[in-house]
Amino acid sequence: MGYINPLLNLPAGKALLQLPAEDRARIEAVMRQLRDQANAEAENAWRRRKGPMAAYWRAVATYARHIAHALS
């Protein structure tokens, strides 16, 4: 990604890296789906002029992306 993932500084983030490769791959796939779905919710909220909910869903998408990248 070009930077050090801040989630990997947390104990739980480090624990993710200790999981077996198969588990990491499954969690990564779910995180990527979560990112796509959260981005869709953000766009929907933005169209409905629900700024706070759009920001919330965009943050969910960002964290899901960070987790997916940490696991890949």
PDB file of N, CA and C in Angstrom:
ATOM      1  N   MET A   1       0.817  -1.205   0.000  1.00  0.00           N
ATOM      2  CA  MET A   1       0.000   0.000   0.000  1.00  0.00           C
ATOM      3  C   MET A   1       0.855   1.261   0.000  1.00  0.00           C
ATOM      4  N   GLY A   2       2.130   1.128   0.288  1.00  0.00           N
ATOM      5  CA  GLY A   2       2.976   2.299   0.276  1.00  0.00           C
ATOM      6  C   GLY A   2       3.138   2.949   1.631  1.00  0.00           C
ATOM      7  N   TYR A   3       2.552   2.400   2.663  1.00  0.00           N
ATOM      8  CA  TYR A   3       2.715   2.927   4.006  1.00  0.00           C
ATOM      9  C   TYR A   3       2.539   1.788   5.003  1.00  0.00           C
ATOM     10  N   ILE A   4       2.954   2.051   6.227  1.00  0.00           N
ATOM     11  CA  ILE A   4       2.791   1.048   7.279  1.00  0.00           C
ATOM     12  C   ILE A   4       1.348   1.096   7.763  1.00  0.00           C
ATOM     13  N   ASN A   5       0.673  -0.036   7.696  1.00  0.00           N
ATOM     14  CA  ASN A   5      -0.729  -0.124   8.095  1.00  0.00           C
ATOM     15  C   ASN A   5      -0.831   0.116   9.597  1.00  0.00           C
ATOM     16  N   PRO A   6      -1.544   1.158  10.024  1.00  0.00           N
ATOM     17  CA  PRO A   6      -1.628   1.472  11.459  1.00  0.00           C
ATOM     18  C   PRO A   6      -2.306   0.385  12.283  1.00  0.00           C
ATOM     19  N   LEU A   7      -3.146  -0.418  11.665  1.00  0.00           N
ATOM     20  CA  LEU A   7      -3.799  -1.495  12.415  1.00  0.00           C
ATOM     21  C   LEU A   7      -2.800  -2.546  12.868  1.00  0.00           C
ATOM     22  N   LEU A   8      -1.699  -2.665  12.145  1.00  0.00           N
ATOM     23  CA  LEU A   8      -0.705  -3.670  12.506  1.00  0.00           C
ATOM     24  C   LEU A   8       0.088  -3.290  13.745  1.00  0.00           C
ATOM     25  N   ASN A   9      -0.066  -2.069  14.216  1.00  0.00           N
ATOM     26  CA  ASN A   9       0.581  -1.652  15.462  1.00  0.00           C
ATOM     27  C   ASN A   9      -0.204  -2.101  16.689  1.00  0.00           C
ATOM     28  N   LEU A  10      -1.439  -2.480  16.495  1.00  0.00           N
ATOM     29  CA  LEU A  10      -2.280  -2.919  17.609  1.00  0.00           C
ATOM     30  C   LEU A  10      -2.056  -4.404  17.876  1.00  0.00           C
ATOM     31  N   PRO A  11      -2.164  -4.830  19.144  1.00  0.00           N
ATOM     32  CA  PRO A  11      -1.999  -6.257  19.445  1.00  0.00           C
ATOM     33  C   PRO A  11      -2.937  -7.150  18.640  1.00  0.00           C
ATOM     34  N   ALA A  12      -4.179  -6.757  18.471  1.00  0.00           N
ATOM     35  CA  ALA A  12      -5.119  -7.563  17.698  1.00  0.00           C
ATOM     36  C   ALA A  12      -4.716  -7.604  16.228  1.00  0.00           C
ATOM     37  N   GLY A  13      -4.174  -6.525  15.713  1.00  0.00           N
ATOM     38  CA  GLY A  13      -3.692  -6.515  14.337  1.00  0.00           C
ATOM     39  C   GLY A  13      -2.523  -7.466  14.151  1.00  0.00           C
ATOM     40  N   LYS A  14      -1.638  -7.493  15.130  1.00  0.00           N
ATOM     41  CA  LYS A  14      -0.514  -8.428  15.073  1.00  0.00           C
ATOM     42  C   LYS A  14      -1.002  -9.862  15.167  1.00  0.00           C
ATOM     43  N   ALA A  15      -2.055 -10.091  15.947  1.00  0.00           N
ATOM     44  CA  ALA A  15      -2.612 -11.437  16.083  1.00  0.00           C
ATOM     45  C   ALA A  15      -3.192 -11.921  14.752  1.00  0.00           C
ATOM     46  N   LEU A  16      -3.736 -11.000  13.960  1.00  0.00           N
ATOM     47  CA  LEU A  16      -4.259 -11.387  12.645  1.00  0.00           C
ATOM     48  C   LEU A  16      -3.175 -12.022  11.784  1.00  0.00           C
ATOM     49  N   LEU A  17      -1.974 -11.476  11.885  1.00  0.00           N
ATOM     50  CA  LEU A  17      -0.881 -11.974  11.061  1.00  0.00           C
ATOM     51  C   LEU A  17      -0.410 -13.359  11.498  1.00  0.00           C
ATOM     52  N   GLN A  18      -0.774 -13.758  12.706  1.00  0.00           N
ATOM     53  CA  GLN A  18      -0.370 -15.066  13.220  1.00  0.00           C
ATOM     54  C   GLN A  18      -1.345 -16.175  12.827  1.00  0.00           C
ATOM     55  N   LEU A  19      -2.471 -15.803  12.229  1.00  0.00           N
ATOM     56  CA  LEU A  19      -3.457 -16.812  11.819  1.00  0.00           C
ATOM     57  C   LEU A  19      -2.922 -17.644  10.659  1.00  0.00           C
ATOM     58  N   PRO A  20      -3.404 -18.877  10.537  1.00  0.00           N
ATOM     59  CA  PRO A  20      -3.018 -19.683   9.369  1.00  0.00           C
ATOM     60  C   PRO A  20      -3.433 -18.994   8.060  1.00  0.00           C
ATOM     61  N   ALA A  21      -2.679 -19.267   7.017  1.00  0.00           N
ATOM     62  CA  ALA A  21      -2.911 -18.607   5.722  1.00  0.00           C
ATOM     63  C   ALA A  21      -4.338 -18.803   5.219  1.00  0.00           C
ATOM     64  N   GLU A  22      -4.910 -19.992   5.423  1.00  0.00           N
ATOM     65  CA  GLU A  22      -6.274 -20.248   4.948  1.00  0.00           C
ATOM     66  C   GLU A  22      -7.276 -19.348   5.670  1.00  0.00           C
ATOM     67  N   ASP A  23      -7.089 -19.185   6.961  1.00  0.00           N
ATOM     68  CA  ASP A  23      -7.987 -18.317   7.736  1.00  0.00           C
ATOM     69  C   ASP A  23      -7.843 -16.865   7.300  1.00  0.00           C
ATOM     70  N   ARG A  24      -6.595 -16.430   7.108  1.00  0.00           N
ATOM     71  CA  ARG A  24      -6.373 -15.051   6.667  1.00  0.00           C
ATOM     72  C   ARG A  24      -7.026 -14.809   5.316  1.00  0.00           C
ATOM     73  N   ALA A  25      -6.943 -15.770   4.425  1.00  0.00           N
ATOM     74  CA  ALA A  25      -7.540 -15.612   3.089  1.00  0.00           C
ATOM     75  C   ALA A  25      -9.053 -15.493   3.176  1.00  0.00           C
ATOM     76  N   ARG A  26      -9.675 -16.302   4.032  1.00  0.00           N
ATOM     77  CA  ARG A  26     -11.140 -16.228   4.171  1.00  0.00           C
ATOM     78  C   ARG A  26     -11.565 -14.892   4.778  1.00  0.00           C
ATOM     79  N   ILE A  27     -10.855 -14.446   5.805  1.00  0.00           N
ATOM     80  CA  ILE A  27     -11.196 -13.168   6.428  1.00  0.00           C
ATOM     81  C   ILE A  27     -10.963 -12.027   5.443  1.00  0.00           C
ATOM     82  N   GLU A  28      -9.875 -12.107   4.681  1.00  0.00           N
ATOM     83  CA  GLU A  28      -9.597 -11.070   3.680  1.00  0.00           C
ATOM     84  C   GLU A  28     -10.734 -10.967   2.673  1.00  0.00           C
ATOM     85  N   ALA A  29     -11.241 -12.106   2.213  1.00  0.00           N
ATOM     86  CA  ALA A  29     -12.339 -12.098   1.248  1.00  0.00           C
ATOM     87  C   ALA A  29     -13.581 -11.436   1.834  1.00  0.00           C
ATOM     88  N   VAL A  30     -13.878 -11.741   3.082  1.00  0.00           N
ATOM     89  CA  VAL A  30     -15.043 -11.130   3.740  1.00  0.00           C
ATOM     90  C   VAL A  30     -14.828  -9.625   3.903  1.00  0.00           C
ATOM     91  N   MET A  31     -13.619  -9.212   4.260  1.00  0.00           N
ATOM     92  CA  MET A  31     -13.328  -7.782   4.434  1.00  0.00           C
ATOM     93  C   MET A  31     -13.468  -7.035   3.107  1.00  0.00           C
ATOM     94  N   ARG A  32     -13.070  -7.665   2.026  1.00  0.00           N
ATOM     95  CA  ARG A  32     -13.218  -7.013   0.714  1.00  0.00           C
ATOM     96  C   ARG A  32     -14.695  -6.887   0.325  1.00  0.00           C
ATOM     97  N   GLN A  33     -15.495  -7.902   0.651  1.00  0.00           N
ATOM     98  CA  GLN A  33     -16.938  -7.810   0.422  1.00  0.00           C
ATOM     99  C   GLN A  33     -17.546  -6.717   1.296  1.00  0.00           C
ATOM    100  N   LEU A  34     -17.117  -6.665   2.547  1.00  0.00           N
ATOM    101  CA  LEU A  34     -17.613  -5.634   3.465  1.00  0.00           C
ATOM    102  C   LEU A  34     -17.273  -4.249   2.933  1.00  0.00           C
ATOM    103  N   ARG A  35     -16.058  -4.094   2.407  1.00  0.00           N
ATOM    104  CA  ARG A  35     -15.662  -2.795   1.853  1.00  0.00           C
ATOM    105  C   ARG A  35     -16.586  -2.390   0.707  1.00  0.00           C
ATOM    106  N   ASP A  36     -16.820  -3.318  -0.218  1.00  0.00           N
ATOM    107  CA  ASP A  36     -17.687  -3.003  -1.359  1.00  0.00           C
ATOM    108  C   ASP A  36     -19.099  -2.646  -0.909  1.00  0.00           C
ATOM    109  N   GLN A  37     -19.639  -3.423   0.015  1.00  0.00           N
ATOM    110  CA  GLN A  37     -20.996  -3.179   0.497  1.00  0.00           C
ATOM    111  C   GLN A  37     -21.091  -1.867   1.281  1.00  0.00           C
ATOM    112  N   ALA A  38     -20.075  -1.577   2.098  1.00  0.00           N
ATOM    113  CA  ALA A  38     -20.082  -0.328   2.862  1.00  0.00           C
ATOM    114  C   ALA A  38     -19.957   0.874   1.928  1.00  0.00           C
ATOM    115  N   ASN A  39     -19.137   0.755   0.879  1.00  0.00           N
ATOM    116  CA  ASN A  39     -19.041   1.848  -0.097  1.00  0.00           C
ATOM    117  C   ASN A  39     -20.377   2.085  -0.789  1.00  0.00           C
ATOM    118  N   ALA A  40     -21.092   1.010  -1.093  1.00  0.00           N
ATOM    119  CA  ALA A  40     -22.417   1.159  -1.709  1.00  0.00           C
ATOM    120  C   ALA A  40     -23.380   1.858  -0.748  1.00  0.00           C
ATOM    121  N   GLU A  41     -23.326   1.496   0.524  1.00  0.00           N
ATOM    122  CA  GLU A  41     -24.171   2.159   1.525  1.00  0.00           C
ATOM    123  C   GLU A  41     -23.806   3.638   1.655  1.00  0.00           C
ATOM    124  N   ALA A  42     -22.518   3.938   1.582  1.00  0.00           N
ATOM    125  CA  ALA A  42     -22.079   5.336   1.670  1.00  0.00           C
ATOM    126  C   ALA A  42     -22.627   6.146   0.503  1.00  0.00           C
ATOM    127  N   GLU A  43     -22.546   5.586  -0.693  1.00  0.00           N
ATOM    128  CA  GLU A  43     -23.064   6.288  -1.874  1.00  0.00           C
ATOM    129  C   GLU A  43     -24.572   6.495  -1.758  1.00  0.00           C
ATOM    130  N   ASN A  44     -25.273   5.481  -1.285  1.00  0.00           N
ATOM    131  CA  ASN A  44     -26.720   5.590  -1.108  1.00  0.00           C
ATOM    132  C   ASN A  44     -27.059   6.677  -0.081  1.00  0.00           C
ATOM    133  N   ALA A  45     -26.345   6.679   1.028  1.00  0.00           N
ATOM    134  CA  ALA A  45     -26.592   7.692   2.062  1.00  0.00           C
ATOM    135  C   ALA A  45     -26.294   9.097   1.525  1.00  0.00           C
ATOM    136  N   TRP A  46     -25.226   9.216   0.744  1.00  0.00           N
ATOM    137  CA  TRP A  46     -24.871  10.524   0.185  1.00  0.00           C
ATOM    138  C   TRP A  46     -25.955  11.019  -0.766  1.00  0.00           C
ATOM    139  N   ARG A  47     -26.469  10.118  -1.602  1.00  0.00           N
ATOM    140  CA  ARG A  47     -27.554  10.502  -2.519  1.00  0.00           C
ATOM    141  C   ARG A  47     -28.799  10.943  -1.747  1.00  0.00           C
ATOM    142  N   ARG A  48     -29.027  10.353  -0.586  1.00  0.00           N
ATOM    143  CA  ARG A  48     -30.200  10.692   0.224  1.00  0.00           C
ATOM    144  C   ARG A  48     -29.937  11.881   1.150  1.00  0.00           C
ATOM    145  N   ARG A  49     -28.762  12.500   0.977  1.00  0.00           N
ATOM    146  CA  ARG A  49     -28.370  13.668   1.768  1.00  0.00           C
ATOM    147  C   ARG A  49     -28.246  13.342   3.261  1.00  0.00           C
ATOM    148  N   LYS A  50     -27.743  12.168   3.540  1.00  0.00           N
ATOM    149  CA  LYS A  50     -27.507  11.710   4.906  1.00  0.00           C
ATOM    150  C   LYS A  50     -26.000  11.685   5.143  1.00  0.00           C
ATOM    151  N   GLY A  51     -25.423  12.876   5.250  1.00  0.00           N
ATOM    152  CA  GLY A  51     -23.974  13.023   5.366  1.00  0.00           C
ATOM    153  C   GLY A  51     -23.338  12.217   6.486  1.00  0.00           C
ATOM    154  N   PRO A  52     -23.886  12.277   7.715  1.00  0.00           N
ATOM    155  CA  PRO A  52     -23.261  11.511   8.805  1.00  0.00           C
ATOM    156  C   PRO A  52     -23.241  10.000   8.529  1.00  0.00           C
ATOM    157  N   MET A  53     -24.307   9.480   7.950  1.00  0.00           N
ATOM    158  CA  MET A  53     -24.317   8.049   7.644  1.00  0.00           C
ATOM    159  C   MET A  53     -23.368   7.725   6.496  1.00  0.00           C
ATOM    160  N   ALA A  54     -23.253   8.629   5.542  1.00  0.00           N
ATOM    161  CA  ALA A  54     -22.290   8.430   4.456  1.00  0.00           C
ATOM    162  C   ALA A  54     -20.877   8.372   5.014  1.00  0.00           C
ATOM    163  N   ALA A  55     -20.567   9.265   5.937  1.00  0.00           N
ATOM    164  CA  ALA A  55     -19.238   9.271   6.564  1.00  0.00           C
ATOM    165  C   ALA A  55     -19.003   7.994   7.359  1.00  0.00           C
ATOM    166  N   TYR A  56     -20.024   7.542   8.074  1.00  0.00           N
ATOM    167  CA  TYR A  56     -19.907   6.308   8.846  1.00  0.00           C
ATOM    168  C   TYR A  56     -19.572   5.131   7.927  1.00  0.00           C
ATOM    169  N   TRP A  57     -20.355   4.975   6.859  1.00  0.00           N
ATOM    170  CA  TRP A  57     -20.139   3.846   5.959  1.00  0.00           C
ATOM    171  C   TRP A  57     -18.801   3.951   5.245  1.00  0.00           C
ATOM    172  N   ARG A  58     -18.365   5.165   4.922  1.00  0.00           N
ATOM    173  CA  ARG A  58     -17.059   5.328   4.282  1.00  0.00           C
ATOM    174  C   ARG A  58     -15.951   4.919   5.256  1.00  0.00           C
ATOM    175  N   ALA A  59     -16.125   5.227   6.539  1.00  0.00           N
ATOM    176  CA  ALA A  59     -15.133   4.795   7.536  1.00  0.00           C
ATOM    177  C   ALA A  59     -15.108   3.280   7.655  1.00  0.00           C
ATOM    178  N   VAL A  60     -16.285   2.651   7.643  1.00  0.00           N
ATOM    179  CA  VAL A  60     -16.349   1.185   7.693  1.00  0.00           C
ATOM    180  C   VAL A  60     -15.586   0.606   6.503  1.00  0.00           C
ATOM    181  N   ALA A  61     -15.799   1.162   5.334  1.00  0.00           N
ATOM    182  CA  ALA A  61     -15.121   0.681   4.128  1.00  0.00           C
ATOM    183  C   ALA A  61     -13.608   0.840   4.256  1.00  0.00           C
ATOM    184  N   THR A  62     -13.178   1.953   4.819  1.00  0.00           N
ATOM    185  CA  THR A  62     -11.747   2.206   4.974  1.00  0.00           C
ATOM    186  C   THR A  62     -11.110   1.196   5.917  1.00  0.00           C
ATOM    187  N   TYR A  63     -11.744   0.960   7.059  1.00  0.00           N
ATOM    188  CA  TYR A  63     -11.187  -0.013   8.006  1.00  0.00           C
ATOM    189  C   TYR A  63     -11.199  -1.415   7.424  1.00  0.00           C
ATOM    190  N   ALA A  64     -12.238  -1.767   6.694  1.00  0.00           N
ATOM    191  CA  ALA A  64     -12.286  -3.088   6.066  1.00  0.00           C
ATOM    192  C   ALA A  64     -11.148  -3.235   5.068  1.00  0.00           C
ATOM    193  N   ARG A  65     -10.871  -2.173   4.339  1.00  0.00           N
ATOM    194  CA  ARG A  65      -9.757  -2.198   3.377  1.00  0.00           C
ATOM    195  C   ARG A  65      -8.425  -2.363   4.085  1.00  0.00           C
ATOM    196  N   HIS A  66      -8.234  -1.642   5.178  1.00  0.00           N
ATOM    197  CA  HIS A  66      -6.984  -1.750   5.935  1.00  0.00           C
ATOM    198  C   HIS A  66      -6.789  -3.183   6.432  1.00  0.00           C
ATOM    199  N   ILE A  67      -7.858  -3.783   6.933  1.00  0.00           N
ATOM    200  CA  ILE A  67      -7.767  -5.156   7.436  1.00  0.00           C
ATOM    201  C   ILE A  67      -7.464  -6.117   6.289  1.00  0.00           C
ATOM    202  N   ALA A  68      -8.153  -5.959   5.162  1.00  0.00           N
ATOM    203  CA  ALA A  68      -7.924  -6.837   4.012  1.00  0.00           C
ATOM    204  C   ALA A  68      -6.472  -6.744   3.546  1.00  0.00           C
ATOM    205  N   HIS A  69      -5.933  -5.524   3.479  1.00  0.00           N
ATOM    206  CA  HIS A  69      -4.563  -5.354   3.036  1.00  0.00           C
ATOM    207  C   HIS A  69      -3.580  -5.967   4.041  1.00  0.00           C
ATOM    208  N   ALA A  70      -3.907  -5.842   5.323  1.00  0.00           N
ATOM    209  CA  ALA A  70      -3.033  -6.425   6.348  1.00  0.00           C
ATOM    210  C   ALA A  70      -2.983  -7.935   6.223  1.00  0.00           C
ATOM    211  N   LEU A  71      -4.078  -8.533   5.799  1.00  0.00           N
ATOM    212  CA  LEU A  71      -4.152  -9.984   5.704  1.00  0.00           C
ATOM    213  C   LEU A  71      -3.582 -10.535   4.403  1.00  0.00           C
ATOM    214  N   SER A  72      -3.421  -9.677   3.397  1.00  0.00           N
ATOM    215  CA  SER A  72      -2.942 -10.168   2.095  1.00  0.00           C
ATOM    216  C   SER A  72      -1.427 -10.177   2.020  1.00  0.00           C
TER     217      SER A  72
END
